[in-house]
Amino acid sequence: MDAQKWQEIRRKAREKTDKEFASEASSLTRLTDEEIKKIAPSIEDREKLAELMEIVQDDTKSNEEKANAIKNIKGLAEIAAKILPALV
């Protein structure tokens, strides 16, 4: 298989992964698939968004604990800032 075919396979896999993540994440939030894609376009952003959602939805933590966790984990505050305009 030549390099072009491998590139095409990787591109299709990325698109499928992006679509599935957006669909799954939007089913757990009030955000649409398109909003999720805009908020978290890269793999790293999607991982941070999933981590942020996990923290926020943890019923065992107080709001202060959640805020500290978000503040202390690199990249979460940036993702949170991207979400806010979609919610207001």
Protein backbone atom coordinates (compact mmCIF):
# COMPACT_ATOMS: atom_id res chain seq x y z
CA MET A 1 0.00 0.00 0.00
CA ASP A 2 1.42 3.37 -0.94
CA ALA A 3 1.78 6.44 1.29
CA GLN A 4 -1.23 8.16 -0.26
CA LYS A 5 -3.55 5.30 0.67
CA TRP A 6 -2.26 5.34 4.27
CA GLN A 7 -2.83 9.09 4.46
CA GLU A 8 -6.39 8.60 3.23
CA ILE A 9 -7.01 5.88 5.82
CA ARG A 10 -5.71 8.12 8.61
CA ARG A 11 -7.81 11.05 7.39
CA LYS A 12 -10.98 8.91 7.35
CA ALA A 13 -10.21 7.54 10.82
CA ARG A 14 -9.74 11.08 12.18
CA GLU A 15 -13.02 12.24 10.66
CA LYS A 16 -14.87 9.23 12.06
CA THR A 17 -13.34 9.72 15.50
CA ASP A 18 -14.16 13.44 15.46
CA LYS A 19 -17.77 12.75 14.48
CA GLU A 20 -18.24 10.00 17.06
CA PHE A 21 -16.71 12.07 19.86
CA ALA A 22 -18.90 15.07 19.02
CA SER A 23 -21.98 12.87 18.90
CA GLU A 24 -21.24 11.16 22.21
CA ALA A 25 -20.28 14.40 23.98
CA SER A 26 -23.31 16.29 22.70
CA SER A 27 -25.58 13.50 23.93
CA LEU A 28 -24.28 14.17 27.45
CA THR A 29 -24.54 17.97 27.29
CA ARG A 30 -26.72 20.74 25.93
CA LEU A 31 -24.15 21.40 23.22
CA THR A 32 -24.66 20.36 19.60
CA ASP A 33 -22.25 18.21 17.60
CA GLU A 34 -21.08 21.32 15.74
CA GLU A 35 -20.46 23.23 18.97
CA ILE A 36 -18.41 20.31 20.32
CA LYS A 37 -16.35 20.22 17.12
CA LYS A 38 -15.71 23.95 17.37
CA ILE A 39 -14.81 23.81 21.08
CA ALA A 40 -12.57 20.74 20.78
CA PRO A 41 -11.11 20.47 17.27
CA SER A 42 -7.98 18.50 18.18
CA ILE A 43 -7.44 15.19 19.96
CA GLU A 44 -5.84 17.04 22.87
CA ASP A 45 -8.82 19.39 23.11
CA ARG A 46 -11.24 16.45 23.08
CA GLU A 47 -9.32 14.76 25.87
CA LYS A 48 -9.36 17.97 27.92
CA LEU A 49 -13.08 18.44 27.25
CA ALA A 50 -13.81 14.89 28.41
CA GLU A 51 -11.68 15.48 31.52
CA LEU A 52 -13.49 18.75 32.22
CA MET A 53 -16.89 17.08 31.83
CA GLU A 54 -15.82 14.31 34.21
CA ILE A 55 -14.78 16.84 36.87
CA VAL A 56 -17.91 18.96 36.52
CA GLN A 57 -20.26 15.99 36.70
CA ASP A 58 -18.56 14.44 39.77
CA ASP A 59 -21.26 14.66 42.44
CA THR A 60 -18.79 13.77 45.19
CA LYS A 61 -16.87 17.06 44.81
CA SER A 62 -17.92 20.49 45.99
CA ASN A 63 -17.99 23.39 43.54
CA GLU A 64 -14.82 24.73 45.16
CA GLU A 65 -13.04 21.40 44.65
CA LYS A 66 -14.18 21.32 41.04
CA ALA A 67 -12.96 24.88 40.45
CA ASN A 68 -9.57 24.07 41.96
CA ALA A 69 -9.25 20.93 39.82
CA ILE A 70 -10.08 22.90 36.68
CA LYS A 71 -7.68 25.68 37.61
CA ASN A 72 -4.81 23.32 38.42
CA ILE A 73 -4.93 21.08 35.35
CA LYS A 74 -3.26 22.61 32.34
CA GLY A 75 -5.61 23.26 29.45
CA LEU A 76 -8.93 22.83 31.27
CA ALA A 77 -9.51 26.53 31.83
CA GLU A 78 -9.04 27.19 28.11
CA ILE A 79 -11.63 24.54 27.21
CA ALA A 80 -14.01 25.92 29.86
CA ALA A 81 -13.63 29.39 28.35
CA LYS A 82 -14.55 28.01 24.91
CA ILE A 83 -17.70 26.39 26.30
CA LEU A 84 -19.12 29.47 28.04
CA PRO A 85 -20.15 31.40 24.90
CA ALA A 86 -22.13 28.38 23.71
CA LEU A 87 -24.05 28.30 26.99
CA VAL A 88 -25.00 31.96 27.24
